[in-house]
């Protein structure tokens, strides 16, 4: 039973952290990348180039794949606004 309680506690903490972060997300204005310390690559697009092609930009660690390629700014806004609702429920 203690393991189950620990699992639920960690899961809820992760849930709240993600939703807190989503409430402050500006991926449609600034973009975000998981790329950290990757060697320079002349073929990898810069974030501003990705923003010219997509409404919402969140690239993976390689810097080539936009994880939110099909997401619109309106969808991001709905997700961010629902964060407030779900946080109030829990």
Protein backbone atom coordinates (compact mmCIF):
# COMPACT_ATOMS: atom_id res chain seq x y z
CA UNK A 1 0.00 0.00 0.00
CA UNK A 2 2.90 2.37 0.76
CA UNK A 3 4.30 1.85 -2.76
CA UNK A 4 0.94 2.73 -4.28
CA UNK A 5 0.72 5.91 -2.19
CA UNK A 6 4.25 6.89 -3.24
CA UNK A 7 3.42 6.25 -6.91
CA UNK A 8 0.25 8.35 -6.73
CA UNK A 9 2.06 11.14 -4.88
CA UNK A 10 4.85 11.34 -7.45
CA UNK A 11 2.34 11.16 -10.31
CA UNK A 12 0.28 14.02 -8.91
CA UNK A 13 3.39 16.14 -8.33
CA UNK A 14 4.46 15.59 -11.93
CA UNK A 15 0.93 16.42 -13.08
CA UNK A 16 0.93 19.73 -11.19
CA UNK A 17 4.41 20.70 -12.42
CA UNK A 18 3.43 20.06 -16.05
CA UNK A 19 0.22 22.04 -15.70
CA UNK A 20 1.96 24.89 -13.92
CA UNK A 21 4.48 25.04 -16.76
CA UNK A 22 1.72 24.89 -19.39
CA UNK A 23 0.06 27.91 -17.82
CA UNK A 24 3.19 29.91 -18.59
CA UNK A 25 3.85 28.42 -22.04
CA UNK A 26 4.65 30.85 -24.85
CA UNK A 27 5.57 28.29 -27.48
CA UNK A 28 3.51 30.17 -30.05
CA UNK A 29 5.55 33.35 -29.47
CA UNK A 30 9.07 32.24 -28.54
CA UNK A 31 9.29 28.52 -29.18
CA UNK A 32 11.17 26.02 -27.05
CA UNK A 33 13.74 23.35 -27.79
CA UNK A 34 15.00 20.28 -25.94
CA UNK A 35 18.26 20.63 -27.85
CA UNK A 36 20.98 21.23 -25.29
CA UNK A 37 24.65 21.37 -26.12
CA UNK A 38 24.33 19.60 -29.44
CA UNK A 39 27.25 20.10 -31.80
CA UNK A 40 26.69 22.80 -34.42
CA UNK A 41 24.94 21.60 -37.54
CA UNK A 42 24.63 23.94 -40.54
CA UNK A 43 21.53 22.06 -41.77
CA UNK A 44 19.56 22.23 -38.51
CA UNK A 45 16.90 24.95 -38.63
CA UNK A 46 17.00 27.72 -36.05
CA UNK A 47 13.97 28.34 -33.83
CA UNK A 48 13.05 31.51 -35.74
CA UNK A 49 13.01 29.49 -38.98
CA UNK A 50 10.72 26.92 -37.37
CA UNK A 51 8.44 29.72 -36.15
CA UNK A 52 8.11 30.97 -39.71
CA UNK A 53 6.79 27.54 -40.74
CA UNK A 54 4.71 26.53 -37.68
CA UNK A 55 2.36 28.31 -35.28
CA UNK A 56 3.66 26.49 -32.19
CA UNK A 57 7.29 25.35 -31.89
CA UNK A 58 8.61 22.72 -29.46
CA UNK A 59 11.56 20.86 -30.99
CA UNK A 60 13.04 17.58 -29.84
CA UNK A 61 16.64 17.04 -28.75
CA UNK A 62 17.91 16.82 -32.32
CA UNK A 63 16.45 20.21 -33.21
CA UNK A 64 14.92 18.83 -36.41
CA UNK A 65 11.53 17.55 -35.23
CA UNK A 66 8.82 19.96 -34.11
CA UNK A 67 6.80 17.90 -31.64
CA UNK A 68 3.90 20.36 -31.88
CA UNK A 69 3.89 20.66 -35.67
CA UNK A 70 0.12 20.03 -35.93
CA UNK A 71 -0.80 22.22 -32.95
CA UNK A 72 -2.32 25.63 -33.57
CA UNK A 73 -2.07 28.67 -31.30
CA UNK A 74 -5.76 28.22 -30.49
CA UNK A 75 -5.16 24.64 -29.32
CA UNK A 76 -2.25 25.77 -27.14
CA UNK A 77 -4.48 28.46 -25.65
CA UNK A 78 -7.19 25.90 -24.83
CA UNK A 79 -4.63 23.59 -23.19
CA UNK A 80 -3.23 26.48 -21.13
CA UNK A 81 -6.71 27.63 -20.06
CA UNK A 82 -7.78 24.08 -19.14
CA UNK A 83 -4.72 23.89 -16.90
CA UNK A 84 -6.38 26.38 -14.57
CA UNK A 85 -9.61 24.35 -14.54
CA UNK A 86 -7.93 21.01 -13.82
CA UNK A 87 -5.72 22.52 -11.11
CA UNK A 88 -8.83 23.89 -9.38
CA UNK A 89 -10.50 20.47 -9.54
CA UNK A 90 -7.56 18.66 -7.96
